[in-house]
PDB file of N, CA and C in Angstrom:
ATOM      1  N   MET A   1      96.197  76.616 260.798  1.00  0.00           N
ATOM      2  CA  MET A   1      95.913  76.676 262.026  1.00  0.00           C
ATOM      3  C   MET A   1      96.036  77.850 262.469  1.00  0.00           C
ATOM      4  N   LEU A   2      95.137  78.030 263.670  1.00  0.00           N
ATOM      5  CA  LEU A   2      95.039  79.180 264.199  1.00  0.00           C
ATOM      6  C   LEU A   2      94.981  79.104 265.932  1.00  0.00           C
ATOM      7  N   THR A   3      95.381  80.666 266.220  1.00  0.00           N
ATOM      8  CA  THR A   3      95.626  80.753 267.883  1.00  0.00           C
ATOM      9  C   THR A   3      94.535  80.354 268.405  1.00  0.00           C
ATOM     10  N   ALA A   4      94.468  80.740 269.693  1.00  0.00           N
ATOM     11  CA  ALA A   4      92.889  80.497 270.277  1.00  0.00           C
ATOM     12  C   ALA A   4      92.374  82.003 270.143  1.00  0.00           C
ATOM     13  N   ARG A   5      92.959  83.248 269.972  1.00  0.00           N
ATOM     14  CA  ARG A   5      92.534  84.322 269.848  1.00  0.00           C
ATOM     15  C   ARG A   5      92.137  84.412 268.545  1.00  0.00           C
ATOM     16  N   ASP A   6      92.732  84.019 267.357  1.00  0.00           N
ATOM     17  CA  ASP A   6      92.377  84.049 265.695  1.00  0.00           C
ATOM     18  C   ASP A   6      91.201  83.126 265.662  1.00  0.00           C
ATOM     19  N   PHE A   7      91.139  82.177 266.285  1.00  0.00           N
ATOM     20  CA  PHE A   7      89.604  81.203 266.324  1.00  0.00           C
ATOM     21  C   PHE A   7      88.728  81.839 267.077  1.00  0.00           C
ATOM     22  N   ALA A   8      88.877  82.390 268.030  1.00  0.00           N
ATOM     23  CA  ALA A   8      87.609  82.837 268.690  1.00  0.00           C
ATOM     24  C   ALA A   8      87.150  84.493 267.816  1.00  0.00           C
ATOM     25  N   ALA A   9      87.722  84.797 267.317  1.00  0.00           N
ATOM     26  CA  ALA A   9      87.616  86.244 266.462  1.00  0.00           C
ATOM     27  C   ALA A   9      86.588  85.476 265.239  1.00  0.00           C
ATOM     28  N   LEU A  10      87.031  84.402 264.600  1.00  0.00           N
ATOM     29  CA  LEU A  10      86.086  83.845 263.713  1.00  0.00           C
ATOM     30  C   LEU A  10      84.893  83.386 264.096  1.00  0.00           C
ATOM     31  N   ILE A  11      84.876  82.797 265.252  1.00  0.00           N
ATOM     32  CA  ILE A  11      83.373  82.052 265.512  1.00  0.00           C
ATOM     33  C   ILE A  11      82.557  83.246 266.429  1.00  0.00           C
ATOM     34  N   GLY A  12      83.350  84.487 266.547  1.00  0.00           N
ATOM     35  CA  GLY A  12      82.545  85.443 267.349  1.00  0.00           C
ATOM     36  C   GLY A  12      82.495  85.164 269.104  1.00  0.00           C
ATOM     37  N   SER A  13      83.842  84.545 269.644  1.00  0.00           N
ATOM     38  CA  SER A  13      83.697  84.473 270.758  1.00  0.00           C
ATOM     39  C   SER A  13      84.854  84.730 271.315  1.00  0.00           C
ATOM     40  N   SER A  14      85.117  84.564 272.940  1.00  0.00           N
ATOM     41  CA  SER A  14      86.105  84.757 273.482  1.00  0.00           C
ATOM     42  C   SER A  14      87.103  83.624 273.480  1.00  0.00           C
ATOM     43  N   GLN A  15      88.553  83.844 273.969  1.00  0.00           N
ATOM     44  CA  GLN A  15      89.500  83.005 274.165  1.00  0.00           C
ATOM     45  C   GLN A  15      89.076  82.023 275.113  1.00  0.00           C
ATOM     46  N   ALA A  16      88.733  82.505 276.092  1.00  0.00           N
ATOM     47  CA  ALA A  16      88.046  81.689 277.389  1.00  0.00           C
ATOM     48  C   ALA A  16      86.991  80.798 277.054  1.00  0.00           C
ATOM     49  N   THR A  17      86.102  81.045 276.001  1.00  0.00           N
ATOM     50  CA  THR A  17      85.275  80.371 275.662  1.00  0.00           C
ATOM     51  C   THR A  17      85.619  79.146 274.889  1.00  0.00           C
ATOM     52  N   VAL A  18      86.810  79.634 273.953  1.00  0.00           N
ATOM     53  CA  VAL A  18      87.567  78.440 272.958  1.00  0.00           C
ATOM     54  C   VAL A  18      88.424  77.733 274.183  1.00  0.00           C
ATOM     55  N   ASN A  19      88.925  78.052 274.920  1.00  0.00           N
ATOM     56  CA  ASN A  19      89.283  77.202 275.692  1.00  0.00           C
ATOM     57  C   ASN A  19      88.537  76.025 276.246  1.00  0.00           C
ATOM     58  N   ARG A  20      87.317  76.717 277.107  1.00  0.00           N
ATOM     59  CA  ARG A  20      86.359  75.909 277.707  1.00  0.00           C
ATOM     60  C   ARG A  20      85.987  74.976 276.920  1.00  0.00           C
ATOM     61  N   ARG A  21      85.516  74.985 275.736  1.00  0.00           N
ATOM     62  CA  ARG A  21      84.856  74.608 274.312  1.00  0.00           C
ATOM     63  C   ARG A  21      85.987  73.228 274.367  1.00  0.00           C
ATOM     64  N   ARG A  22      87.247  73.493 273.845  1.00  0.00           N
ATOM     65  CA  ARG A  22      88.403  72.520 273.608  1.00  0.00           C
ATOM     66  C   ARG A  22      88.334  71.852 274.902  1.00  0.00           C
ATOM     67  N   GLN A  23      88.353  71.944 276.020  1.00  0.00           N
ATOM     68  CA  GLN A  23      88.306  71.291 277.589  1.00  0.00           C
ATOM     69  C   GLN A  23      87.417  70.176 277.521  1.00  0.00           C
ATOM     70  N   ALA A  24      86.208  70.837 276.993  1.00  0.00           N
ATOM     71  CA  ALA A  24      84.994  69.713 277.133  1.00  0.00           C
ATOM     72  C   ALA A  24      84.928  68.978 275.808  1.00  0.00           C
ATOM     73  N   GLY A  25      85.958  69.201 275.049  1.00  0.00           N
ATOM     74  CA  GLY A  25      85.685  68.198 273.892  1.00  0.00           C
ATOM     75  C   GLY A  25      85.080  68.499 272.511  1.00  0.00           C
ATOM     76  N   ALA A  26      84.482  69.908 272.743  1.00  0.00           N
ATOM     77  CA  ALA A  26      83.645  70.428 271.438  1.00  0.00           C
ATOM     78  C   ALA A  26      84.226  71.331 270.153  1.00  0.00           C
ATOM     79  N   ILE A  27      85.766  71.657 270.666  1.00  0.00           N
ATOM     80  CA  ILE A  27      86.690  71.818 269.355  1.00  0.00           C
ATOM     81  C   ILE A  27      87.956  71.350 269.504  1.00  0.00           C
ATOM     82  N   LEU A  28      88.376  70.818 268.557  1.00  0.00           N
ATOM     83  CA  LEU A  28      89.758  70.238 268.233  1.00  0.00           C
ATOM     84  C   LEU A  28      90.755  71.282 268.130  1.00  0.00           C
ATOM     85  N   ALA A  29      91.654  70.582 268.806  1.00  0.00           N
ATOM     86  CA  ALA A  29      93.008  71.475 268.978  1.00  0.00           C
ATOM     87  C   ALA A  29      94.284  70.729 268.848  1.00  0.00           C
ATOM     88  N   LEU A  30      95.214  71.072 268.300  1.00  0.00           N
ATOM     89  CA  LEU A  30      96.493  70.275 268.493  1.00  0.00           C
ATOM     90  C   LEU A  30      97.513  70.881 269.497  1.00  0.00           C
ATOM     91  N   GLY A  31      98.392  70.099 270.343  1.00  0.00           N
ATOM     92  CA  GLY A  31      99.112  70.930 271.357  1.00  0.00           C
ATOM     93  C   GLY A  31     100.432  71.123 270.392  1.00  0.00           C
ATOM     94  N   LYS A  32     101.071  72.308 270.825  1.00  0.00           N
ATOM     95  CA  LYS A  32     102.577  72.662 270.070  1.00  0.00           C
ATOM     96  C   LYS A  32     103.526  71.951 271.133  1.00  0.00           C
ATOM     97  N   ALA A  33     104.501  71.666 270.478  1.00  0.00           N
ATOM     98  CA  ALA A  33     105.644  71.237 271.134  1.00  0.00           C
ATOM     99  C   ALA A  33     106.169  72.343 272.270  1.00  0.00           C
ATOM    100  N   SER A  34     106.043  73.719 271.991  1.00  0.00           N
ATOM    101  CA  SER A  34     106.478  74.775 272.807  1.00  0.00           C
ATOM    102  C   SER A  34     105.398  75.398 273.996  1.00  0.00           C
ATOM    103  N   GLY A  35     104.458  74.574 273.905  1.00  0.00           N
ATOM    104  CA  GLY A  35     103.214  74.759 274.624  1.00  0.00           C
ATOM    105  C   GLY A  35     102.054  75.379 273.881  1.00  0.00           C
ATOM    106  N   GLY A  36     100.808  75.496 274.536  1.00  0.00           N
ATOM    107  CA  GLY A  36      99.770  75.859 273.851  1.00  0.00           C
ATOM    108  C   GLY A  36      99.260  75.132 272.786  1.00  0.00           C
ATOM    109  N   PHE A  37      97.996  75.587 272.066  1.00  0.00           N
ATOM    110  CA  PHE A  37      97.479  74.886 271.356  1.00  0.00           C
ATOM    111  C   PHE A  37      97.258  75.483 269.887  1.00  0.00           C
ATOM    112  N   ARG A  38      96.949  74.862 268.908  1.00  0.00           N
ATOM    113  CA  ARG A  38      96.610  75.748 267.591  1.00  0.00           C
ATOM    114  C   ARG A  38      95.421  74.978 267.076  1.00  0.00           C
ATOM    115  N   TYR A  39      94.349  75.424 266.515  1.00  0.00           N
ATOM    116  CA  TYR A  39      93.129  75.067 266.394  1.00  0.00           C
ATOM    117  C   TYR A  39      92.890  74.924 264.936  1.00  0.00           C
ATOM    118  N   PRO A  40      92.610  74.020 264.271  1.00  0.00           N
ATOM    119  CA  PRO A  40      92.449  73.823 262.664  1.00  0.00           C
ATOM    120  C   PRO A  40      91.122  74.752 262.273  1.00  0.00           C
ATOM    121  N   LYS A  41      91.328  75.640 261.103  1.00  0.00           N
ATOM    122  CA  LYS A  41      90.349  76.384 260.385  1.00  0.00           C
ATOM    123  C   LYS A  41      89.247  75.588 259.906  1.00  0.00           C
ATOM    124  N   TRP A  42      89.539  74.730 259.481  1.00  0.00           N
ATOM    125  CA  TRP A  42      88.468  73.699 258.908  1.00  0.00           C
ATOM    126  C   TRP A  42      87.289  73.383 259.554  1.00  0.00           C
ATOM    127  N   GLN A  43      87.388  73.596 261.126  1.00  0.00           N
ATOM    128  CA  GLN A  43      86.481  73.274 262.112  1.00  0.00           C
ATOM    129  C   GLN A  43      85.234  74.545 261.991  1.00  0.00           C
ATOM    130  N   ILE A  44      85.552  75.834 261.151  1.00  0.00           N
ATOM    131  CA  ILE A  44      85.128  76.610 261.146  1.00  0.00           C
ATOM    132  C   ILE A  44      84.242  76.814 259.632  1.00  0.00           C
ATOM    133  N   MET A  45      82.660  77.045 259.691  1.00  0.00           N
ATOM    134  CA  MET A  45      82.268  77.148 258.543  1.00  0.00           C
ATOM    135  C   MET A  45      82.101  78.521 258.068  1.00  0.00           C
ATOM    136  N   ASP A  46      81.778  78.832 256.614  1.00  0.00           N
ATOM    137  CA  ASP A  46      82.041  80.139 256.041  1.00  0.00           C
ATOM    138  C   ASP A  46      81.049  81.084 256.830  1.00  0.00           C
ATOM    139  N   ASP A  47      79.913  80.890 257.562  1.00  0.00           N
ATOM    140  CA  ASP A  47      79.143  81.767 258.286  1.00  0.00           C
ATOM    141  C   ASP A  47      79.504  81.636 259.711  1.00  0.00           C
ATOM    142  N   GLY A  48      80.793  81.468 259.881  1.00  0.00           N
ATOM    143  CA  GLY A  48      81.152  81.191 261.519  1.00  0.00           C
ATOM    144  C   GLY A  48      80.840  80.393 262.698  1.00  0.00           C
ATOM    145  N   ARG A  49      80.063  79.583 262.280  1.00  0.00           N
ATOM    146  CA  ARG A  49      79.537  78.272 262.956  1.00  0.00           C
ATOM    147  C   ARG A  49      80.584  77.238 263.011  1.00  0.00           C
ATOM    148  N   LEU A  50      80.294  76.353 264.038  1.00  0.00           N
ATOM    149  CA  LEU A  50      81.361  75.516 263.907  1.00  0.00           C
ATOM    150  C   LEU A  50      80.784  74.264 262.978  1.00  0.00           C
ATOM    151  N   VAL A  51      81.491  73.085 262.637  1.00  0.00           N
ATOM    152  CA  VAL A  51      81.159  72.056 261.731  1.00  0.00           C
ATOM    153  C   VAL A  51      80.363  71.268 262.654  1.00  0.00           C
ATOM    154  N   PRO A  52      79.058  70.442 262.423  1.00  0.00           N
ATOM    155  CA  PRO A  52      78.512  69.826 263.277  1.00  0.00           C
ATOM    156  C   PRO A  52      79.013  68.447 263.609  1.00  0.00           C
ATOM    157  N   GLY A  53      79.004  68.130 264.611  1.00  0.00           N
ATOM    158  CA  GLY A  53      79.600  66.572 264.890  1.00  0.00           C
ATOM    159  C   GLY A  53      81.279  66.671 265.619  1.00  0.00           C
ATOM    160  N   LEU A  54      81.383  67.798 265.809  1.00  0.00           N
ATOM    161  CA  LEU A  54      83.008  67.844 266.368  1.00  0.00           C
ATOM    162  C   LEU A  54      83.430  66.958 267.582  1.00  0.00           C
ATOM    163  N   LYS A  55      82.340  67.215 268.364  1.00  0.00           N
ATOM    164  CA  LYS A  55      82.518  66.374 269.763  1.00  0.00           C
ATOM    165  C   LYS A  55      82.185  65.082 269.578  1.00  0.00           C
ATOM    166  N   GLU A  56      81.550  64.466 269.024  1.00  0.00           N
ATOM    167  CA  GLU A  56      81.587  63.103 268.358  1.00  0.00           C
ATOM    168  C   GLU A  56      82.852  62.568 267.847  1.00  0.00           C
ATOM    169  N   LEU A  57      83.157  63.522 266.861  1.00  0.00           N
ATOM    170  CA  LEU A  57      84.737  63.183 266.433  1.00  0.00           C
ATOM    171  C   LEU A  57      85.869  63.293 267.204  1.00  0.00           C
ATOM    172  N   ALA A  58      85.788  64.224 268.227  1.00  0.00           N
ATOM    173  CA  ALA A  58      86.721  64.175 269.196  1.00  0.00           C
ATOM    174  C   ALA A  58      87.006  63.046 270.148  1.00  0.00           C
ATOM    175  N   SER A  59      85.455  62.373 270.447  1.00  0.00           N
ATOM    176  CA  SER A  59      85.526  61.296 271.379  1.00  0.00           C
ATOM    177  C   SER A  59      86.057  60.080 270.892  1.00  0.00           C
ATOM    178  N   GLU A  60      86.340  60.076 269.336  1.00  0.00           N
ATOM    179  CA  GLU A  60      86.429  58.909 268.614  1.00  0.00           C
ATOM    180  C   GLU A  60      88.126  59.165 268.468  1.00  0.00           C
ATOM    181  N   MET A  61      88.948  59.864 268.638  1.00  0.00           N
ATOM    182  CA  MET A  61      89.991  60.299 268.788  1.00  0.00           C
ATOM    183  C   MET A  61      90.939  60.013 269.798  1.00  0.00           C
ATOM    184  N   PRO A  62      91.997  59.057 269.733  1.00  0.00           N
ATOM    185  CA  PRO A  62      93.186  58.754 270.840  1.00  0.00           C
ATOM    186  C   PRO A  62      93.443  60.237 271.647  1.00  0.00           C
ATOM    187  N   GLY A  63      93.674  59.968 272.660  1.00  0.00           N
ATOM    188  CA  GLY A  63      94.065  61.372 273.354  1.00  0.00           C
ATOM    189  C   GLY A  63      93.938  60.981 275.139  1.00  0.00           C
ATOM    190  N   PRO A  64      94.637  62.191 275.613  1.00  0.00           N
ATOM    191  CA  PRO A  64      94.305  61.999 277.174  1.00  0.00           C
ATOM    192  C   PRO A  64      92.965  62.365 277.778  1.00  0.00           C
TER     193      PRO A  64
END
């Protein structure tokens, strides 16, 4: 599980972009009890690209 900063570094992006993509459902994140989010590393392929189909997967998951 990665912080937004660490996730952003691995995909060559900014934290703000990671947060926007999370809000749009293009990146999966889990909320922490203490606030904030953690991002599963498995979403990132070895070349830094996101696994295809994350948005479709997220749309099938329950949540707000």
